[in-house]
Amino acid sequence: MEKHNVAIFKPYSFETGQKIRIEGGKRNGDWEVIGVSDYKVKLRCPVSKREFEWSRFCYFAEERSEEQWPLKD
């Protein structure tokens, strides 16, 4: 049997109140999780306070402690 490098992706289990940072893509930036359902996640921008609800889309990469949130340019 041949061996290969395989990338494994697992859906992320969001929790209301989490502070998250998405690096890359059209949803790039800092967000607060304000709602979670089986199929959707509702996020709020901590700067503009705008809210968006999207189908679950994120996959966990890493968790960092002592990170500034939100980032200021």
PDB file of N, CA and C in Angstrom:
ATOM      1  N   MET A   1       0.851  -1.180   0.000  1.00  0.00           N
ATOM      2  CA  MET A   1       0.000   0.000   0.000  1.00  0.00           C
ATOM      3  C   MET A   1       0.894   1.240   0.000  1.00  0.00           C
ATOM      4  N   GLU A   2       0.601   2.176  -0.906  1.00  0.00           N
ATOM      5  CA  GLU A   2       1.364   3.409  -1.017  1.00  0.00           C
ATOM      6  C   GLU A   2       1.008   4.387   0.091  1.00  0.00           C
ATOM      7  N   LYS A   3       2.008   5.105   0.602  1.00  0.00           N
ATOM      8  CA  LYS A   3       1.798   6.121   1.632  1.00  0.00           C
ATOM      9  C   LYS A   3       1.828   7.499   0.982  1.00  0.00           C
ATOM     10  N   HIS A   4       0.970   8.416   1.469  1.00  0.00           N
ATOM     11  CA  HIS A   4       0.890   9.771   0.929  1.00  0.00           C
ATOM     12  C   HIS A   4       0.766  10.780   2.060  1.00  0.00           C
ATOM     13  N   ASN A   5       1.163  12.003   1.799  1.00  0.00           N
ATOM     14  CA  ASN A   5       0.874  13.103   2.714  1.00  0.00           C
ATOM     15  C   ASN A   5      -0.580  13.494   2.494  1.00  0.00           C
ATOM     16  N   VAL A   6      -1.337  13.581   3.562  1.00  0.00           N
ATOM     17  CA  VAL A   6      -2.765  13.877   3.470  1.00  0.00           C
ATOM     18  C   VAL A   6      -3.096  15.026   4.417  1.00  0.00           C
ATOM     19  N   ALA A   7      -3.764  16.047   3.902  1.00  0.00           N
ATOM     20  CA  ALA A   7      -4.225  17.157   4.749  1.00  0.00           C
ATOM     21  C   ALA A   7      -5.587  16.767   5.328  1.00  0.00           C
ATOM     22  N   ILE A   8      -5.713  16.851   6.647  1.00  0.00           N
ATOM     23  CA  ILE A   8      -6.944  16.485   7.336  1.00  0.00           C
ATOM     24  C   ILE A   8      -7.618  17.765   7.843  1.00  0.00           C
ATOM     25  N   PHE A   9      -8.891  17.945   7.553  1.00  0.00           N
ATOM     26  CA  PHE A   9      -9.658  19.102   7.987  1.00  0.00           C
ATOM     27  C   PHE A   9     -10.798  18.631   8.886  1.00  0.00           C
ATOM     28  N   LYS A  10     -10.984  19.342   9.992  1.00  0.00           N
ATOM     29  CA  LYS A  10     -12.087  19.031  10.902  1.00  0.00           C
ATOM     30  C   LYS A  10     -12.880  20.309  11.149  1.00  0.00           C
ATOM     31  N   PRO A  11     -14.212  20.250  11.094  1.00  0.00           N
ATOM     32  CA  PRO A  11     -15.013  21.435  11.393  1.00  0.00           C
ATOM     33  C   PRO A  11     -14.739  21.909  12.823  1.00  0.00           C
ATOM     34  N   TYR A  12     -14.756  23.207  13.005  1.00  0.00           N
ATOM     35  CA  TYR A  12     -14.493  23.792  14.309  1.00  0.00           C
ATOM     36  C   TYR A  12     -15.792  23.958  15.086  1.00  0.00           C
ATOM     37  N   SER A  13     -15.778  23.604  16.354  1.00  0.00           N
ATOM     38  CA  SER A  13     -16.954  23.753  17.224  1.00  0.00           C
ATOM     39  C   SER A  13     -16.927  25.130  17.874  1.00  0.00           C
ATOM     40  N   PHE A  14     -17.618  26.076  17.261  1.00  0.00           N
ATOM     41  CA  PHE A  14     -17.677  27.431  17.797  1.00  0.00           C
ATOM     42  C   PHE A  14     -18.440  27.455  19.111  1.00  0.00           C
ATOM     43  N   GLU A  15     -18.103  28.411  19.990  1.00  0.00           N
ATOM     44  CA  GLU A  15     -18.827  28.637  21.232  1.00  0.00           C
ATOM     45  C   GLU A  15     -19.161  30.119  21.333  1.00  0.00           C
ATOM     46  N   THR A  16     -20.394  30.430  21.701  1.00  0.00           N
ATOM     47  CA  THR A  16     -20.811  31.813  21.865  1.00  0.00           C
ATOM     48  C   THR A  16     -19.884  32.511  22.858  1.00  0.00           C
ATOM     49  N   GLY A  17     -19.452  33.717  22.499  1.00  0.00           N
ATOM     50  CA  GLY A  17     -18.560  34.501  23.343  1.00  0.00           C
ATOM     51  C   GLY A  17     -17.096  34.386  22.973  1.00  0.00           C
ATOM     52  N   GLN A  18     -16.749  33.433  22.101  1.00  0.00           N
ATOM     53  CA  GLN A  18     -15.356  33.269  21.708  1.00  0.00           C
ATOM     54  C   GLN A  18     -14.863  34.474  20.925  1.00  0.00           C
ATOM     55  N   LYS A  19     -13.591  34.798  21.126  1.00  0.00           N
ATOM     56  CA  LYS A  19     -12.896  35.797  20.323  1.00  0.00           C
ATOM     57  C   LYS A  19     -12.059  35.005  19.332  1.00  0.00           C
ATOM     58  N   ILE A  20     -12.259  35.264  18.042  1.00  0.00           N
ATOM     59  CA  ILE A  20     -11.534  34.496  17.026  1.00  0.00           C
ATOM     60  C   ILE A  20     -10.852  35.446  16.042  1.00  0.00           C
ATOM     61  N   ARG A  21      -9.852  34.932  15.360  1.00  0.00           N
ATOM     62  CA  ARG A  21      -9.170  35.668  14.301  1.00  0.00           C
ATOM     63  C   ARG A  21      -9.098  34.758  13.086  1.00  0.00           C
ATOM     64  N   ILE A  22      -9.603  35.249  11.963  1.00  0.00           N
ATOM     65  CA  ILE A  22      -9.539  34.507  10.710  1.00  0.00           C
ATOM     66  C   ILE A  22      -8.408  35.113   9.894  1.00  0.00           C
ATOM     67  N   GLU A  23      -7.462  34.290   9.520  1.00  0.00           N
ATOM     68  CA  GLU A  23      -6.317  34.767   8.753  1.00  0.00           C
ATOM     69  C   GLU A  23      -6.466  34.309   7.314  1.00  0.00           C
ATOM     70  N   GLY A  24      -6.731  35.280   6.431  1.00  0.00           N
ATOM     71  CA  GLY A  24      -6.878  34.991   5.013  1.00  0.00           C
ATOM     72  C   GLY A  24      -8.333  34.893   4.597  1.00  0.00           C
ATOM     73  N   GLY A  25      -8.572  35.031   3.310  1.00  0.00           N
ATOM     74  CA  GLY A  25      -9.920  34.910   2.759  1.00  0.00           C
ATOM     75  C   GLY A  25     -10.744  36.165   2.943  1.00  0.00           C
ATOM     76  N   LYS A  26     -11.966  36.120   2.463  1.00  0.00           N
ATOM     77  CA  LYS A  26     -12.824  37.304   2.489  1.00  0.00           C
ATOM     78  C   LYS A  26     -13.354  37.643   3.879  1.00  0.00           C
ATOM     79  N   ARG A  27     -13.254  36.740   4.840  1.00  0.00           N
ATOM     80  CA  ARG A  27     -13.715  37.002   6.215  1.00  0.00           C
ATOM     81  C   ARG A  27     -12.544  37.305   7.146  1.00  0.00           C
ATOM     82  N   ASN A  28     -11.405  37.641   6.572  1.00  0.00           N
ATOM     83  CA  ASN A  28     -10.180  37.946   7.303  1.00  0.00           C
ATOM     84  C   ASN A  28     -10.420  38.985   8.396  1.00  0.00           C
ATOM     85  N   GLY A  29      -9.892  38.729   9.594  1.00  0.00           N
ATOM     86  CA  GLY A  29      -9.972  39.718  10.666  1.00  0.00           C
ATOM     87  C   GLY A  29     -10.413  39.119  11.984  1.00  0.00           C
ATOM     88  N   ASP A  30     -10.645  40.005  12.950  1.00  0.00           N
ATOM     89  CA  ASP A  30     -11.070  39.607  14.294  1.00  0.00           C
ATOM     90  C   ASP A  30     -12.584  39.627  14.389  1.00  0.00           C
ATOM     91  N   TRP A  31     -13.129  38.631  15.098  1.00  0.00           N
ATOM     92  CA  TRP A  31     -14.576  38.473  15.233  1.00  0.00           C
ATOM     93  C   TRP A  31     -14.908  37.966  16.619  1.00  0.00           C
ATOM     94  N   GLU A  32     -16.128  38.257  17.059  1.00  0.00           N
ATOM     95  CA  GLU A  32     -16.673  37.663  18.271  1.00  0.00           C
ATOM     96  C   GLU A  32     -17.829  36.760  17.854  1.00  0.00           C
ATOM     97  N   VAL A  33     -17.853  35.542  18.370  1.00  0.00           N
ATOM     98  CA  VAL A  33     -18.935  34.606  18.063  1.00  0.00           C
ATOM     99  C   VAL A  33     -20.130  34.988  18.936  1.00  0.00           C
ATOM    100  N   ILE A  34     -21.250  35.353  18.297  1.00  0.00           N
ATOM    101  CA  ILE A  34     -22.429  35.783  19.061  1.00  0.00           C
ATOM    102  C   ILE A  34     -23.611  34.833  18.904  1.00  0.00           C
ATOM    103  N   GLY A  35     -23.476  33.808  18.075  1.00  0.00           N
ATOM    104  CA  GLY A  35     -24.543  32.830  17.920  1.00  0.00           C
ATOM    105  C   GLY A  35     -24.056  31.614  17.161  1.00  0.00           C
ATOM    106  N   VAL A  36     -24.554  30.454  17.540  1.00  0.00           N
ATOM    107  CA  VAL A  36     -24.139  29.203  16.904  1.00  0.00           C
ATOM    108  C   VAL A  36     -25.355  28.298  16.769  1.00  0.00           C
ATOM    109  N   SER A  37     -25.530  27.717  15.580  1.00  0.00           N
ATOM    110  CA  SER A  37     -26.552  26.688  15.389  1.00  0.00           C
ATOM    111  C   SER A  37     -25.874  25.487  14.736  1.00  0.00           C
ATOM    112  N   ASP A  38     -26.647  24.460  14.420  1.00  0.00           N
ATOM    113  CA  ASP A  38     -26.063  23.279  13.773  1.00  0.00           C
ATOM    114  C   ASP A  38     -25.456  23.606  12.412  1.00  0.00           C
ATOM    115  N   TYR A  39     -25.988  24.630  11.745  1.00  0.00           N
ATOM    116  CA  TYR A  39     -25.556  24.922  10.376  1.00  0.00           C
ATOM    117  C   TYR A  39     -24.961  26.306  10.182  1.00  0.00           C
ATOM    118  N   LYS A  40     -25.191  27.217  11.114  1.00  0.00           N
ATOM    119  CA  LYS A  40     -24.774  28.615  10.939  1.00  0.00           C
ATOM    120  C   LYS A  40     -23.948  29.091  12.126  1.00  0.00           C
ATOM    121  N   VAL A  41     -23.147  30.133  11.879  1.00  0.00           N
ATOM    122  CA  VAL A  41     -22.423  30.830  12.941  1.00  0.00           C
ATOM    123  C   VAL A  41     -22.643  32.320  12.716  1.00  0.00           C
ATOM    124  N   LYS A  42     -22.929  33.050  13.797  1.00  0.00           N
ATOM    125  CA  LYS A  42     -23.162  34.489  13.716  1.00  0.00           C
ATOM    126  C   LYS A  42     -21.988  35.194  14.380  1.00  0.00           C
ATOM    127  N   LEU A  43     -21.355  36.105  13.623  1.00  0.00           N
ATOM    128  CA  LEU A  43     -20.165  36.794  14.089  1.00  0.00           C
ATOM    129  C   LEU A  43     -20.384  38.299  14.109  1.00  0.00           C
ATOM    130  N   ARG A  44     -19.688  38.970  15.059  1.00  0.00           N
ATOM    131  CA  ARG A  44     -19.745  40.432  15.135  1.00  0.00           C
ATOM    132  C   ARG A  44     -18.315  40.963  15.069  1.00  0.00           C
ATOM    133  N   CYS A  45     -18.127  42.012  14.256  1.00  0.00           N
ATOM    134  CA  CYS A  45     -16.844  42.696  14.178  1.00  0.00           C
ATOM    135  C   CYS A  45     -16.699  43.554  15.427  1.00  0.00           C
ATOM    136  N   PRO A  46     -15.573  43.443  16.169  1.00  0.00           N
ATOM    137  CA  PRO A  46     -15.407  44.211  17.407  1.00  0.00           C
ATOM    138  C   PRO A  46     -15.153  45.702  17.162  1.00  0.00           C
ATOM    139  N   VAL A  47     -14.823  46.066  15.945  1.00  0.00           N
ATOM    140  CA  VAL A  47     -14.537  47.466  15.622  1.00  0.00           C
ATOM    141  C   VAL A  47     -15.791  48.168  15.099  1.00  0.00           C
ATOM    142  N   SER A  48     -16.382  47.625  14.023  1.00  0.00           N
ATOM    143  CA  SER A  48     -17.550  48.268  13.401  1.00  0.00           C
ATOM    144  C   SER A  48     -18.864  47.857  14.062  1.00  0.00           C
ATOM    145  N   LYS A  49     -18.843  46.766  14.835  1.00  0.00           N
ATOM    146  CA  LYS A  49     -20.034  46.180  15.478  1.00  0.00           C
ATOM    147  C   LYS A  49     -21.015  45.569  14.476  1.00  0.00           C
ATOM    148  N   ARG A  50     -20.634  45.487  13.200  1.00  0.00           N
ATOM    149  CA  ARG A  50     -21.505  44.850  12.201  1.00  0.00           C
ATOM    150  C   ARG A  50     -21.577  43.360  12.483  1.00  0.00           C
ATOM    151  N   GLU A  51     -22.738  42.778  12.200  1.00  0.00           N
ATOM    152  CA  GLU A  51     -22.971  41.358  12.458  1.00  0.00           C
ATOM    153  C   GLU A  51     -23.258  40.635  11.154  1.00  0.00           C
ATOM    154  N   PHE A  52     -22.773  39.405  11.066  1.00  0.00           N
ATOM    155  CA  PHE A  52     -22.960  38.576   9.876  1.00  0.00           C
ATOM    156  C   PHE A  52     -23.273  37.156  10.318  1.00  0.00           C
ATOM    157  N   GLU A  53     -24.132  36.488   9.567  1.00  0.00           N
ATOM    158  CA  GLU A  53     -24.425  35.079   9.817  1.00  0.00           C
ATOM    159  C   GLU A  53     -24.053  34.301   8.567  1.00  0.00           C
ATOM    160  N   TRP A  54     -23.194  33.315   8.742  1.00  0.00           N
ATOM    161  CA  TRP A  54     -22.724  32.512   7.623  1.00  0.00           C
ATOM    162  C   TRP A  54     -22.891  31.027   7.942  1.00  0.00           C
ATOM    163  N   SER A  55     -22.930  30.227   6.887  1.00  0.00           N
ATOM    164  CA  SER A  55     -22.849  28.777   7.071  1.00  0.00           C
ATOM    165  C   SER A  55     -21.503  28.481   7.722  1.00  0.00           C
ATOM    166  N   ARG A  56     -21.456  27.449   8.542  1.00  0.00           N
ATOM    167  CA  ARG A  56     -20.185  27.095   9.195  1.00  0.00           C
ATOM    168  C   ARG A  56     -19.125  26.876   8.121  1.00  0.00           C
ATOM    169  N   PHE A  57     -17.943  27.454   8.340  1.00  0.00           N
ATOM    170  CA  PHE A  57     -16.930  27.456   7.304  1.00  0.00           C
ATOM    171  C   PHE A  57     -15.519  27.273   7.824  1.00  0.00           C
ATOM    172  N   CYS A  58     -15.273  27.474   9.106  1.00  0.00           N
ATOM    173  CA  CYS A  58     -13.910  27.503   9.638  1.00  0.00           C
ATOM    174  C   CYS A  58     -13.409  26.126  10.057  1.00  0.00           C
ATOM    175  N   TYR A  59     -12.114  26.005  10.004  1.00  0.00           N
ATOM    176  CA  TYR A  59     -11.427  24.823  10.468  1.00  0.00           C
ATOM    177  C   TYR A  59     -10.327  25.270  11.413  1.00  0.00           C
ATOM    178  N   PHE A  60     -10.138  24.564  12.507  1.00  0.00           N
ATOM    179  CA  PHE A  60      -9.187  24.961  13.535  1.00  0.00           C
ATOM    180  C   PHE A  60      -7.760  24.802  13.054  1.00  0.00           C
ATOM    181  N   ALA A  61      -6.922  25.817  13.293  1.00  0.00           N
ATOM    182  CA  ALA A  61      -5.512  25.745  12.934  1.00  0.00           C
ATOM    183  C   ALA A  61      -4.620  25.734  14.180  1.00  0.00           C
ATOM    184  N   GLU A  62      -4.813  26.700  15.080  1.00  0.00           N
ATOM    185  CA  GLU A  62      -4.033  26.747  16.312  1.00  0.00           C
ATOM    186  C   GLU A  62      -4.717  27.679  17.297  1.00  0.00           C
ATOM    187  N   GLU A  63      -4.317  27.591  18.548  1.00  0.00           N
ATOM    188  CA  GLU A  63      -4.814  28.497  19.580  1.00  0.00           C
ATOM    189  C   GLU A  63      -3.617  29.187  20.207  1.00  0.00           C
ATOM    190  N   ARG A  64      -3.694  30.508  20.368  1.00  0.00           N
ATOM    191  CA  ARG A  64      -2.595  31.282  20.950  1.00  0.00           C
ATOM    192  C   ARG A  64      -3.069  31.950  22.231  1.00  0.00           C
ATOM    193  N   SER A  65      -2.187  32.019  23.250  1.00  0.00           N
ATOM    194  CA  SER A  65      -2.535  32.761  24.468  1.00  0.00           C
ATOM    195  C   SER A  65      -1.810  34.101  24.453  1.00  0.00           C
ATOM    196  N   GLU A  66      -2.319  35.010  25.261  1.00  0.00           N
ATOM    197  CA  GLU A  66      -1.706  36.335  25.403  1.00  0.00           C
ATOM    198  C   GLU A  66      -1.654  37.093  24.074  1.00  0.00           C
ATOM    199  N   GLU A  67      -2.651  36.913  23.241  1.00  0.00           N
ATOM    200  CA  GLU A  67      -2.740  37.613  21.960  1.00  0.00           C
ATOM    201  C   GLU A  67      -3.555  38.888  22.110  1.00  0.00           C
ATOM    202  N   GLN A  68      -3.123  39.972  21.482  1.00  0.00           N
ATOM    203  CA  GLN A  68      -3.934  41.183  21.459  1.00  0.00           C
ATOM    204  C   GLN A  68      -5.148  40.927  20.587  1.00  0.00           C
ATOM    205  N   TRP A  69      -6.317  41.346  21.068  1.00  0.00           N
ATOM    206  CA  TRP A  69      -7.561  41.185  20.304  1.00  0.00           C
ATOM    207  C   TRP A  69      -8.479  42.330  20.640  1.00  0.00           C
ATOM    208  N   PRO A  70      -9.055  43.050  19.684  1.00  0.00           N
ATOM    209  CA  PRO A  70      -8.748  42.935  18.256  1.00  0.00           C
ATOM    210  C   PRO A  70      -7.414  43.588  17.926  1.00  0.00           C
ATOM    211  N   LEU A  71      -6.874  43.197  16.775  1.00  0.00           N
ATOM    212  CA  LEU A  71      -5.643  43.818  16.292  1.00  0.00           C
ATOM    213  C   LEU A  71      -5.969  45.217  15.797  1.00  0.00           C
ATOM    214  N   LYS A  72      -5.103  46.141  16.048  1.00  0.00           N
ATOM    215  CA  LYS A  72      -5.275  47.512  15.561  1.00  0.00           C
ATOM    216  C   LYS A  72      -4.168  47.788  14.562  1.00  0.00           C
ATOM    217  N   ASP A  73      -4.548  48.312  13.411  1.00  0.00           N
ATOM    218  CA  ASP A  73      -3.524  48.630  12.372  1.00  0.00           C
ATOM    219  C   ASP A  73      -2.791  49.905  12.686  1.00  0.00           C
TER     220      ASP A  73
END
